Amino acid sequence: MLEELFEQGLLKRIARSKDLALKSLKQANYFLFEAQDMVRLHKERMAIIALYNAMFHCTRALLFKDGVKEKSHYAVARYLEFEYVDKSAVNRKFLLVLDMFRDYRHESLYSLVTIDINIDWEDYIKCCGQFIDTVNDMLK
């Protein structure tokens, strides 16, 4: 499955870069703080986008560490799944939250109707922070 994503050009091999990985992780932290602000302001749709971006950049940091560039958000999640979750290097809950918020993000951005958002923000923000901490430890 993962090799198919490379063959389709959705993932591409590049030089490994700890520098880019750290920059992406910095972006993850930035978006996590933005998500927290949006939740406090009761701007749930914007919070979804920010929290997803935090999870995306956190995962992207792993790709840069491994020398992989993405052309698809779906491919980023599948890379995390096959290279980290299935090998028990990363907790499956991080993948589940990434996939769930990717779907929420898509609905928030492209739906022509207002979506009803009823989630426990505290749990998801905490999960994202744990994911950032996990990836940070992996980059040391």
Foldseek 3Di string as FASTA:
>chain_A
DLVVCVVVVQKDFADADLPQLVVLLVLLVVLLVVLVVCVVVVNNLSSLVSNLSSLQSLLVSVQSNVRMDGPDLVSSLVCCCPVDPVVPNDPCVSSVLNVVSVVSNCCSVPPPDDDDDDDDVVVSSVVSVVSSVSSVVVSD
